[in-house]
């Protein structure tokens, strides 16, 4: 399956094809770190996801792990805001 990484950087829109999903995820995360916006990865079926969503699907991050991460983040931001 082919994966296409779409991103916007300084009002320029570009796309790149990858044969492996982890390569697409790595490129997507690199683009985000470099300041690109609207970074999405489209699979061969046309379904678009963010790099972290695709990573969670492929690597099987469990719902319990996501809930625990959300709980930690909400606690941290609540304390920081107080």
PDB file of N, CA and C in Angstrom:
ATOM      1  N   UNK A   1       0.847  -1.169   0.000  1.00  0.00           N
ATOM      2  CA  UNK A   1       0.000   0.000   0.000  1.00  0.00           C
ATOM      3  C   UNK A   1       0.898   1.240   0.000  1.00  0.00           C
ATOM      4  N   UNK A   2       0.493   2.248  -0.715  1.00  0.00           N
ATOM      5  CA  UNK A   2       1.226   3.502  -0.792  1.00  0.00           C
ATOM      6  C   UNK A   2       0.646   4.489   0.218  1.00  0.00           C
ATOM      7  N   UNK A   3       1.528   5.222   0.882  1.00  0.00           N
ATOM      8  CA  UNK A   3       1.127   6.244   1.833  1.00  0.00           C
ATOM      9  C   UNK A   3       1.636   7.592   1.329  1.00  0.00           C
ATOM     10  N   UNK A   4       0.769   8.585   1.336  1.00  0.00           N
ATOM     11  CA  UNK A   4       1.128   9.921   0.861  1.00  0.00           C
ATOM     12  C   UNK A   4       1.103  10.890   2.030  1.00  0.00           C
ATOM     13  N   UNK A   5       2.209  11.582   2.231  1.00  0.00           N
ATOM     14  CA  UNK A   5       2.292  12.600   3.287  1.00  0.00           C
ATOM     15  C   UNK A   5       1.992  13.951   2.653  1.00  0.00           C
ATOM     16  N   UNK A   6       0.977  14.637   3.167  1.00  0.00           N
ATOM     17  CA  UNK A   6       0.597  15.968   2.705  1.00  0.00           C
ATOM     18  C   UNK A   6       0.931  16.955   3.818  1.00  0.00           C
ATOM     19  N   UNK A   7       1.473  18.123   3.444  1.00  0.00           N
ATOM     20  CA  UNK A   7       1.801  19.142   4.450  1.00  0.00           C
ATOM     21  C   UNK A   7       1.762  20.528   3.821  1.00  0.00           C
ATOM     22  N   UNK A   8       1.601  21.530   4.680  1.00  0.00           N
ATOM     23  CA  UNK A   8       1.650  22.919   4.261  1.00  0.00           C
ATOM     24  C   UNK A   8       2.764  23.593   5.050  1.00  0.00           C
ATOM     25  N   UNK A   9       3.630  24.302   4.324  1.00  0.00           N
ATOM     26  CA  UNK A   9       4.714  25.029   4.977  1.00  0.00           C
ATOM     27  C   UNK A   9       4.878  26.371   4.269  1.00  0.00           C
ATOM     28  N   UNK A  10       4.699  27.430   5.007  1.00  0.00           N
ATOM     29  CA  UNK A  10       4.793  28.785   4.434  1.00  0.00           C
ATOM     30  C   UNK A  10       3.911  28.940   3.194  1.00  0.00           C
ATOM     31  N   UNK A  11       2.675  28.534   3.329  1.00  0.00           N
ATOM     32  CA  UNK A  11       1.654  28.631   2.284  1.00  0.00           C
ATOM     33  C   UNK A  11       1.927  27.764   1.052  1.00  0.00           C
ATOM     34  N   UNK A  12       2.961  26.924   1.108  1.00  0.00           N
ATOM     35  CA  UNK A  12       3.230  25.984   0.025  1.00  0.00           C
ATOM     36  C   UNK A  12       2.712  24.612   0.434  1.00  0.00           C
ATOM     37  N   UNK A  13       2.005  23.964  -0.457  1.00  0.00           N
ATOM     38  CA  UNK A  13       1.447  22.638  -0.184  1.00  0.00           C
ATOM     39  C   UNK A  13       2.282  21.611  -0.941  1.00  0.00           C
ATOM     40  N   UNK A  14       2.738  20.575  -0.253  1.00  0.00           N
ATOM     41  CA  UNK A  14       3.480  19.539  -0.945  1.00  0.00           C
ATOM     42  C   UNK A  14       3.122  18.157  -0.439  1.00  0.00           C
ATOM     43  N   UNK A  15       3.422  17.164  -1.277  1.00  0.00           N
ATOM     44  CA  UNK A  15       3.097  15.769  -0.975  1.00  0.00           C
ATOM     45  C   UNK A  15       4.271  14.890  -1.375  1.00  0.00           C
ATOM     46  N   UNK A  16       4.385  13.753  -0.676  1.00  0.00           N
ATOM     47  CA  UNK A  16       5.447  12.800  -1.004  1.00  0.00           C
ATOM     48  C   UNK A  16       4.919  11.385  -0.761  1.00  0.00           C
ATOM     49  N   UNK A  17       5.264  10.471  -1.646  1.00  0.00           N
ATOM     50  CA  UNK A  17       4.805   9.086  -1.549  1.00  0.00           C
ATOM     51  C   UNK A  17       5.814   8.218  -0.802  1.00  0.00           C
ATOM     52  N   UNK A  18       5.277   7.265  -0.028  1.00  0.00           N
ATOM     53  CA  UNK A  18       6.102   6.305   0.701  1.00  0.00           C
ATOM     54  C   UNK A  18       5.472   4.929   0.582  1.00  0.00           C
ATOM     55  N   UNK A  19       6.321   3.904   0.479  1.00  0.00           N
ATOM     56  CA  UNK A  19       5.822   2.536   0.393  1.00  0.00           C
ATOM     57  C   UNK A  19       5.586   1.943   1.777  1.00  0.00           C
ATOM     58  N   UNK A  20       6.322   2.415   2.776  1.00  0.00           N
ATOM     59  CA  UNK A  20       6.207   1.870   4.132  1.00  0.00           C
ATOM     60  C   UNK A  20       5.532   2.880   5.057  1.00  0.00           C
ATOM     61  N   UNK A  21       4.584   2.425   5.864  1.00  0.00           N
ATOM     62  CA  UNK A  21       3.874   3.348   6.746  1.00  0.00           C
ATOM     63  C   UNK A  21       4.789   4.025   7.777  1.00  0.00           C
ATOM     64  N   UNK A  22       5.781   3.312   8.296  1.00  0.00           N
ATOM     65  CA  UNK A  22       6.653   3.933   9.298  1.00  0.00           C
ATOM     66  C   UNK A  22       7.518   5.035   8.696  1.00  0.00           C
ATOM     67  N   UNK A  23       7.879   4.897   7.415  1.00  0.00           N
ATOM     68  CA  UNK A  23       8.604   5.981   6.746  1.00  0.00           C
ATOM     69  C   UNK A  23       7.716   7.220   6.626  1.00  0.00           C
ATOM     70  N   UNK A  24       6.459   7.008   6.290  1.00  0.00           N
ATOM     71  CA  UNK A  24       5.515   8.123   6.170  1.00  0.00           C
ATOM     72  C   UNK A  24       5.309   8.795   7.528  1.00  0.00           C
ATOM     73  N   UNK A  25       5.200   7.996   8.582  1.00  0.00           N
ATOM     74  CA  UNK A  25       5.028   8.547   9.925  1.00  0.00           C
ATOM     75  C   UNK A  25       6.258   9.362  10.322  1.00  0.00           C
ATOM     76  N   UNK A  26       7.438   8.815  10.064  1.00  0.00           N
ATOM     77  CA  UNK A  26       8.670   9.521  10.398  1.00  0.00           C
ATOM     78  C   UNK A  26       8.764  10.854   9.651  1.00  0.00           C
ATOM     79  N   UNK A  27       8.442  10.840   8.362  1.00  0.00           N
ATOM     80  CA  UNK A  27       8.479  12.078   7.573  1.00  0.00           C
ATOM     81  C   UNK A  27       7.446  13.070   8.096  1.00  0.00           C
ATOM     82  N   UNK A  28       6.259  12.589   8.414  1.00  0.00           N
ATOM     83  CA  UNK A  28       5.215  13.462   8.949  1.00  0.00           C
ATOM     84  C   UNK A  28       5.624  14.112  10.254  1.00  0.00           C
ATOM     85  N   UNK A  29       6.209  13.333  11.156  1.00  0.00           N
ATOM     86  CA  UNK A  29       6.658  13.888  12.441  1.00  0.00           C
ATOM     87  C   UNK A  29       7.798  14.876  12.234  1.00  0.00           C
ATOM     88  N   UNK A  30       8.694  14.596  11.296  1.00  0.00           N
ATOM     89  CA  UNK A  30       9.794  15.523  10.996  1.00  0.00           C
ATOM     90  C   UNK A  30       9.250  16.844  10.467  1.00  0.00           C
ATOM     91  N   UNK A  31       8.247  16.767   9.614  1.00  0.00           N
ATOM     92  CA  UNK A  31       7.641  17.984   9.081  1.00  0.00           C
ATOM     93  C   UNK A  31       6.973  18.807  10.177  1.00  0.00           C
ATOM     94  N   UNK A  32       6.306  18.130  11.101  1.00  0.00           N
ATOM     95  CA  UNK A  32       5.679  18.831  12.218  1.00  0.00           C
ATOM     96  C   UNK A  32       6.737  19.530  13.063  1.00  0.00           C
ATOM     97  N   UNK A  33       7.837  18.835  13.343  1.00  0.00           N
ATOM     98  CA  UNK A  33       8.928  19.418  14.134  1.00  0.00           C
ATOM     99  C   UNK A  33       9.568  20.602  13.410  1.00  0.00           C
ATOM    100  N   UNK A  34       9.541  20.586  12.081  1.00  0.00           N
ATOM    101  CA  UNK A  34      10.123  21.671  11.292  1.00  0.00           C
ATOM    102  C   UNK A  34       9.164  22.850  11.132  1.00  0.00           C
ATOM    103  N   UNK A  35       7.955  22.711  11.664  1.00  0.00           N
ATOM    104  CA  UNK A  35       6.997  23.812  11.627  1.00  0.00           C
ATOM    105  C   UNK A  35       5.924  23.713  10.565  1.00  0.00           C
ATOM    106  N   UNK A  36       5.854  22.604   9.855  1.00  0.00           N
ATOM    107  CA  UNK A  36       4.808  22.436   8.843  1.00  0.00           C
ATOM    108  C   UNK A  36       3.447  22.312   9.517  1.00  0.00           C
ATOM    109  N   UNK A  37       2.417  22.685   8.795  1.00  0.00           N
ATOM    110  CA  UNK A  37       1.056  22.624   9.318  1.00  0.00           C
ATOM    111  C   UNK A  37       0.224  21.683   8.455  1.00  0.00           C
ATOM    112  N   UNK A  38      -0.914  21.299   8.991  1.00  0.00           N
ATOM    113  CA  UNK A  38      -1.848  20.424   8.254  1.00  0.00           C
ATOM    114  C   UNK A  38      -1.161  19.178   7.716  1.00  0.00           C
ATOM    115  N   UNK A  39      -0.359  18.544   8.547  1.00  0.00           N
ATOM    116  CA  UNK A  39       0.350  17.333   8.131  1.00  0.00           C
ATOM    117  C   UNK A  39      -0.597  16.140   8.268  1.00  0.00           C
ATOM    118  N   UNK A  40      -0.880  15.500   7.147  1.00  0.00           N
ATOM    119  CA  UNK A  40      -1.762  14.336   7.123  1.00  0.00           C
ATOM    120  C   UNK A  40      -1.134  13.251   6.261  1.00  0.00           C
ATOM    121  N   UNK A  41      -1.449  12.018   6.610  1.00  0.00           N
ATOM    122  CA  UNK A  41      -0.977  10.872   5.838  1.00  0.00           C
ATOM    123  C   UNK A  41      -2.208  10.173   5.275  1.00  0.00           C
ATOM    124  N   UNK A  42      -2.238  10.047   3.950  1.00  0.00           N
ATOM    125  CA  UNK A  42      -3.340   9.362   3.278  1.00  0.00           C
ATOM    126  C   UNK A  42      -2.875   7.974   2.868  1.00  0.00           C
ATOM    127  N   UNK A  43      -3.724   6.970   3.123  1.00  0.00           N
ATOM    128  CA  UNK A  43      -3.364   5.616   2.706  1.00  0.00           C
ATOM    129  C   UNK A  43      -3.940   5.346   1.319  1.00  0.00           C
ATOM    130  N   UNK A  44      -3.750   4.152   0.819  1.00  0.00           N
ATOM    131  CA  UNK A  44      -4.210   3.787  -0.514  1.00  0.00           C
ATOM    132  C   UNK A  44      -5.716   3.869  -0.679  1.00  0.00           C
ATOM    133  N   UNK A  45      -6.461   3.792   0.421  1.00  0.00           N
ATOM    134  CA  UNK A  45      -7.921   3.885   0.362  1.00  0.00           C
ATOM    135  C   UNK A  45      -8.405   5.327   0.434  1.00  0.00           C
ATOM    136  N   UNK A  46      -7.473   6.274   0.616  1.00  0.00           N
ATOM    137  CA  UNK A  46      -7.838   7.687   0.691  1.00  0.00           C
ATOM    138  C   UNK A  46      -8.163   8.176   2.089  1.00  0.00           C
ATOM    139  N   UNK A  47      -8.033   7.318   3.074  1.00  0.00           N
ATOM    140  CA  UNK A  47      -8.301   7.710   4.460  1.00  0.00           C
ATOM    141  C   UNK A  47      -7.133   8.546   4.978  1.00  0.00           C
ATOM    142  N   UNK A  48      -7.423   9.749   5.483  1.00  0.00           N
ATOM    143  CA  UNK A  48      -6.369  10.655   5.953  1.00  0.00           C
ATOM    144  C   UNK A  48      -6.329  10.673   7.472  1.00  0.00           C
ATOM    145  N   UNK A  49      -5.101  10.599   8.001  1.00  0.00           N
ATOM    146  CA  UNK A  49      -4.892  10.610   9.453  1.00  0.00           C
ATOM    147  C   UNK A  49      -3.653  11.434   9.769  1.00  0.00           C
ATOM    148  N   UNK A  50      -3.578  11.915  11.005  1.00  0.00           N
ATOM    149  CA  UNK A  50      -2.353  12.576  11.446  1.00  0.00           C
ATOM    150  C   UNK A  50      -1.292  11.501  11.667  1.00  0.00           C
ATOM    151  N   UNK A  51      -0.006  11.879  11.688  1.00  0.00           N
ATOM    152  CA  UNK A  51       1.040  10.877  11.916  1.00  0.00           C
ATOM    153  C   UNK A  51       0.857  10.101  13.222  1.00  0.00           C
ATOM    154  N   UNK A  52       0.445  10.768  14.290  1.00  0.00           N
ATOM    155  CA  UNK A  52       0.295  10.073  15.581  1.00  0.00           C
ATOM    156  C   UNK A  52      -0.900   9.120  15.559  1.00  0.00           C
ATOM    157  N   UNK A  53      -1.976   9.485  14.852  1.00  0.00           N
ATOM    158  CA  UNK A  53      -3.126   8.574  14.733  1.00  0.00           C
ATOM    159  C   UNK A  53      -2.726   7.302  13.982  1.00  0.00           C
ATOM    160  N   UNK A  54      -1.989   7.473  12.895  1.00  0.00           N
ATOM    161  CA  UNK A  54      -1.546   6.306  12.133  1.00  0.00           C
ATOM    162  C   UNK A  54      -0.595   5.449  12.956  1.00  0.00           C
ATOM    163  N   UNK A  55       0.296   6.088  13.690  1.00  0.00           N
ATOM    164  CA  UNK A  55       1.218   5.353  14.570  1.00  0.00           C
ATOM    165  C   UNK A  55       0.439   4.522  15.586  1.00  0.00           C
ATOM    166  N   UNK A  56      -0.571   5.123  16.204  1.00  0.00           N
ATOM    167  CA  UNK A  56      -1.373   4.400  17.198  1.00  0.00           C
ATOM    168  C   UNK A  56      -2.108   3.218  16.581  1.00  0.00           C
ATOM    169  N   UNK A  57      -2.570   3.365  15.361  1.00  0.00           N
ATOM    170  CA  UNK A  57      -3.265   2.262  14.687  1.00  0.00           C
ATOM    171  C   UNK A  57      -2.288   1.128  14.369  1.00  0.00           C
ATOM    172  N   UNK A  58      -1.133   1.478  13.839  1.00  0.00           N
ATOM    173  CA  UNK A  58      -0.158   0.458  13.429  1.00  0.00           C
ATOM    174  C   UNK A  58       0.484  -0.225  14.629  1.00  0.00           C
ATOM    175  N   UNK A  59       0.864   0.546  15.612  1.00  0.00           N
ATOM    176  CA  UNK A  59       1.591  -0.011  16.765  1.00  0.00           C
ATOM    177  C   UNK A  59       0.667  -0.503  17.857  1.00  0.00           C
ATOM    178  N   UNK A  60      -0.631  -0.335  17.670  1.00  0.00           N
ATOM    179  CA  UNK A  60      -1.593  -0.899  18.599  1.00  0.00           C
ATOM    180  C   UNK A  60      -1.618  -0.280  19.975  1.00  0.00           C
ATOM    181  N   UNK A  61      -1.481   1.035  20.064  1.00  0.00           N
ATOM    182  CA  UNK A  61      -1.585   1.685  21.364  1.00  0.00           C
ATOM    183  C   UNK A  61      -2.969   1.392  21.925  1.00  0.00           C
ATOM    184  N   UNK A  62      -3.008   0.859  23.117  1.00  0.00           N
ATOM    185  CA  UNK A  62      -4.278   0.449  23.702  1.00  0.00           C
ATOM    186  C   UNK A  62      -5.068   1.655  24.202  1.00  0.00           C
ATOM    187  N   UNK A  63      -6.366   1.468  24.319  1.00  0.00           N
ATOM    188  CA  UNK A  63      -7.235   2.528  24.834  1.00  0.00           C
ATOM    189  C   UNK A  63      -6.844   2.879  26.262  1.00  0.00           C
ATOM    190  N   UNK A  64      -6.428   1.879  27.053  1.00  0.00           N
ATOM    191  CA  UNK A  64      -6.022   2.141  28.440  1.00  0.00           C
ATOM    192  C   UNK A  64      -4.802   3.044  28.485  1.00  0.00           C
ATOM    193  N   UNK A  65      -3.840   2.820  27.584  1.00  0.00           N
ATOM    194  CA  UNK A  65      -2.644   3.664  27.551  1.00  0.00           C
ATOM    195  C   UNK A  65      -3.006   5.084  27.152  1.00  0.00           C
ATOM    196  N   UNK A  66      -3.934   5.233  26.206  1.00  0.00           N
ATOM    197  CA  UNK A  66      -4.356   6.574  25.788  1.00  0.00           C
ATOM    198  C   UNK A  66      -5.069   7.289  26.926  1.00  0.00           C
ATOM    199  N   UNK A  67      -5.937   6.578  27.658  1.00  0.00           N
ATOM    200  CA  UNK A  67      -6.640   7.196  28.781  1.00  0.00           C
ATOM    201  C   UNK A  67      -5.657   7.643  29.845  1.00  0.00           C
ATOM    202  N   UNK A  68      -4.663   6.817  30.122  1.00  0.00           N
ATOM    203  CA  UNK A  68      -3.671   7.166  31.130  1.00  0.00           C
ATOM    204  C   UNK A  68      -2.880   8.394  30.699  1.00  0.00           C
ATOM    205  N   UNK A  69      -2.525   8.478  29.415  1.00  0.00           N
ATOM    206  CA  UNK A  69      -1.795   9.644  28.902  1.00  0.00           C
ATOM    207  C   UNK A  69      -2.662  10.889  28.980  1.00  0.00           C
ATOM    208  N   UNK A  70      -3.930  10.779  28.603  1.00  0.00           N
ATOM    209  CA  UNK A  70      -4.841  11.916  28.672  1.00  0.00           C
ATOM    210  C   UNK A  70      -5.013  12.380  30.107  1.00  0.00           C
ATOM    211  N   UNK A  71      -5.091  11.441  31.044  1.00  0.00           N
ATOM    212  CA  UNK A  71      -5.236  11.780  32.453  1.00  0.00           C
ATOM    213  C   UNK A  71      -4.021  12.542  32.961  1.00  0.00           C
ATOM    214  N   UNK A  72      -2.833  12.076  32.597  1.00  0.00           N
ATOM    215  CA  UNK A  72      -1.603  12.748  33.021  1.00  0.00           C
ATOM    216  C   UNK A  72      -1.535  14.142  32.416  1.00  0.00           C
ATOM    217  N   UNK A  73      -1.868  14.270  31.125  1.00  0.00           N
ATOM    218  CA  UNK A  73      -1.826  15.575  30.468  1.00  0.00           C
ATOM    219  C   UNK A  73      -2.819  16.535  31.094  1.00  0.00           C
ATOM    220  N   UNK A  74      -4.025  16.096  31.366  1.00  0.00           N
ATOM    221  CA  UNK A  74      -5.038  16.991  31.936  1.00  0.00           C
ATOM    222  C   UNK A  74      -4.640  17.411  33.345  1.00  0.00           C
ATOM    223  N   UNK A  75      -4.031  16.507  34.120  1.00  0.00           N
ATOM    224  CA  UNK A  75      -3.567  16.852  35.458  1.00  0.00           C
ATOM    225  C   UNK A  75      -2.440  17.880  35.375  1.00  0.00           C
ATOM    226  N   UNK A  76      -1.511  17.688  34.461  1.00  0.00           N
ATOM    227  CA  UNK A  76      -0.385  18.594  34.306  1.00  0.00           C
ATOM    228  C   UNK A  76      -0.878  19.977  33.901  1.00  0.00           C
ATOM    229  N   UNK A  77      -1.760  20.057  32.885  1.00  0.00           N
ATOM    230  CA  UNK A  77      -2.216  21.354  32.417  1.00  0.00           C
ATOM    231  C   UNK A  77      -3.116  22.037  33.439  1.00  0.00           C
ATOM    232  N   UNK A  78      -3.854  21.271  34.235  1.00  0.00           N
ATOM    233  CA  UNK A  78      -4.678  21.868  35.284  1.00  0.00           C
ATOM    234  C   UNK A  78      -3.787  22.510  36.328  1.00  0.00           C
ATOM    235  N   UNK A  79      -2.744  21.809  36.731  1.00  0.00           N
ATOM    236  CA  UNK A  79      -1.820  22.358  37.723  1.00  0.00           C
ATOM    237  C   UNK A  79      -1.063  23.557  37.189  1.00  0.00           C
ATOM    238  N   UNK A  80      -0.662  23.502  35.924  1.00  0.00           N
ATOM    239  CA  UNK A  80       0.088  24.608  35.330  1.00  0.00           C
ATOM    240  C   UNK A  80      -0.779  25.851  35.209  1.00  0.00           C
ATOM    241  N   UNK A  81      -2.069  25.660  34.962  1.00  0.00           N
ATOM    242  CA  UNK A  81      -2.975  26.791  34.799  1.00  0.00           C
ATOM    243  C   UNK A  81      -3.350  27.418  36.139  1.00  0.00           C
ATOM    244  N   UNK A  82      -3.272  26.662  37.203  1.00  0.00           N
ATOM    245  CA  UNK A  82      -3.694  27.150  38.515  1.00  0.00           C
ATOM    246  C   UNK A  82      -2.738  28.165  39.107  1.00  0.00           C
TER     247      UNK A  82
END
